[in-house]
Amino acid sequence: MSPTEVDRITIKSFENLISSKPLLPITSASKSKDPSRNSTSSSISVCLNSPQLDNNNFGGNSIPDSYANMSKLVKLSLRNCNLRGPIPDLSQIPHLLYIDLSFNQLNESIPPNKLGENMTTIILSNNNLTGTIPSNFSRLPRLQKLSLANNLLSGSVPSTIWQNKISNAAERLLLELQNNQFISISGSTNLPLNVTLLLDGNPLCSDNTLNQFCKVEGARSETNGTSPTNFSDSCPNQRCPPPYEFYVNCFCVAPLIIGYRLRSPGFSDFPPYFNTFEEYLTSNLKLQANQISYTFEWQVGPRVLMILKIFPEYVDKNSSHTFNSSEIQRIRNMFTGWVIPNRDLFGPYDLMDLVNVAYESGEISSVIDERMGSYPSDHAEKFLNLALKCSEDEPEPRPKMAAVVRELENICSMMSDSDTTRGTSTSTDSRKTASFLGSTSSSSSVIKTPSVSRYV
């Protein structure tokens, strides 16, 4: 594939991604047997429900109206993509949770039709939007964040957005409306304690009675926290030396500790979904509800990094203080085999520390999906190295699309060259082949220390 063809793929990528089809053709680097095709490409199908394409340059194109037909869409994030034109009407997408179209040049008014009942986050800040705040934003019961700052919006701010919010500290609502042309607030200015309203930079701030909403320092955001379960609080006078921790009835156990990250969550505030997340994880891992606790930290993305602690099951004081090797292997395989299904609200996940340890120790087999079969370990290592580079939190260290395509072509070429000798090499030395199914219990069933070293 020539550099020109690679660039053409990059330029056309947005046009392809915004097709109304739920299953999209994506160019890959495998060789085509069709002589009529211009490049070494084939098509694979990908279910598009959470496109997160932030920090791409789409050359001033608009977002097509065909997005309204993408019925499976759950999250749409096109932050800082050099997009222009109007926002399409997304009101007919039933399961949409999260929209981020900030830092573009979008204009015209915000579509007035009501979005789905499950909407948690609407971020349209730093555009050129005009008109008023749609009244239907007041009818979103799960809304956690509405960010319209730094636009050209005018009229009154409707108090109905916050009037129906229950005063519950666990369910917060953040309204970022700074630097627009709002002249008043229609209705009551008595906000529930769990609602934060930011209006600095609007003409209405000349009214001294609204000073409380015009403070430039803005809202204090909580970027980390702990799950409700904390077993040590009731056991202050007893000793439980590390790596053991207090569990039910002040029973000392050694938990498994796993670095886990929600790569594209469909919410802006985590605490209201603690119970849902714990049910999701424990039911899939076949654990009791009280066998898990965690701390979390919001990262750039936005992503949610968690330290999961999984405790051995407690029956009585004769219960084991540690997991046995078979249970460690079972839980490990659930994570590294990507057996835990994604849920729309939480999105895909990254397995942080196990990936890092496996990569640096040469145990590539422990992080390869068993459905991929067996591949020479040096090929798997190159592919994993590329994946880690593409997963960097900040966009600057990530390789350009052209570089990714070239590296994939290189890996595929290496695999083609080794096809004739692969059978012999894998049969004579199984250690040189990376396969989930080929991992041995001696290398994967024992966790030397229940702690997380560092993250990818």
Foldseek 3Di string as FASTA:
>chain_A
DDPVVLVVLLLCVVVQVLALDQWGWHWAQAADPDPVDDHRTDTDTDGDAADADEPAANPQAERDLSSLNNQNHAHEHHEQHQYEEADHDNQNRARHAYYAHADYAYEEAHDQDAHYQNHAYDHHDHYAYEEEDHPNCLRRQNHAEDAHYHYAYEEAAEPSNAPPHDLDLLRAHEYHHEQYAYQYHPDDPDGRPRYQAAYANYNNCVPVVCVVRHDPVGDDDDFKFKQPDDQCPVPVPDDADPPWDQAPPRATARWAKFKKKLQRASHDHPRVCSQVVLCLVCVLLVHDSRQKIWMWGADQSRMIIIIITGADDDDDNVDDRYDDLVSQLSSLCCVLLVVRDDDSRRHDMDGWQVLVVCLVVVVLQSNDHQVVPKDFSVLSSLVSVLVVQCPDSDPVSRDDSSVVNVSSNVSVVVRVVCVVVVVVVCVVDVSRMRHNVPDDSVVRRDDPHNDGDDTD
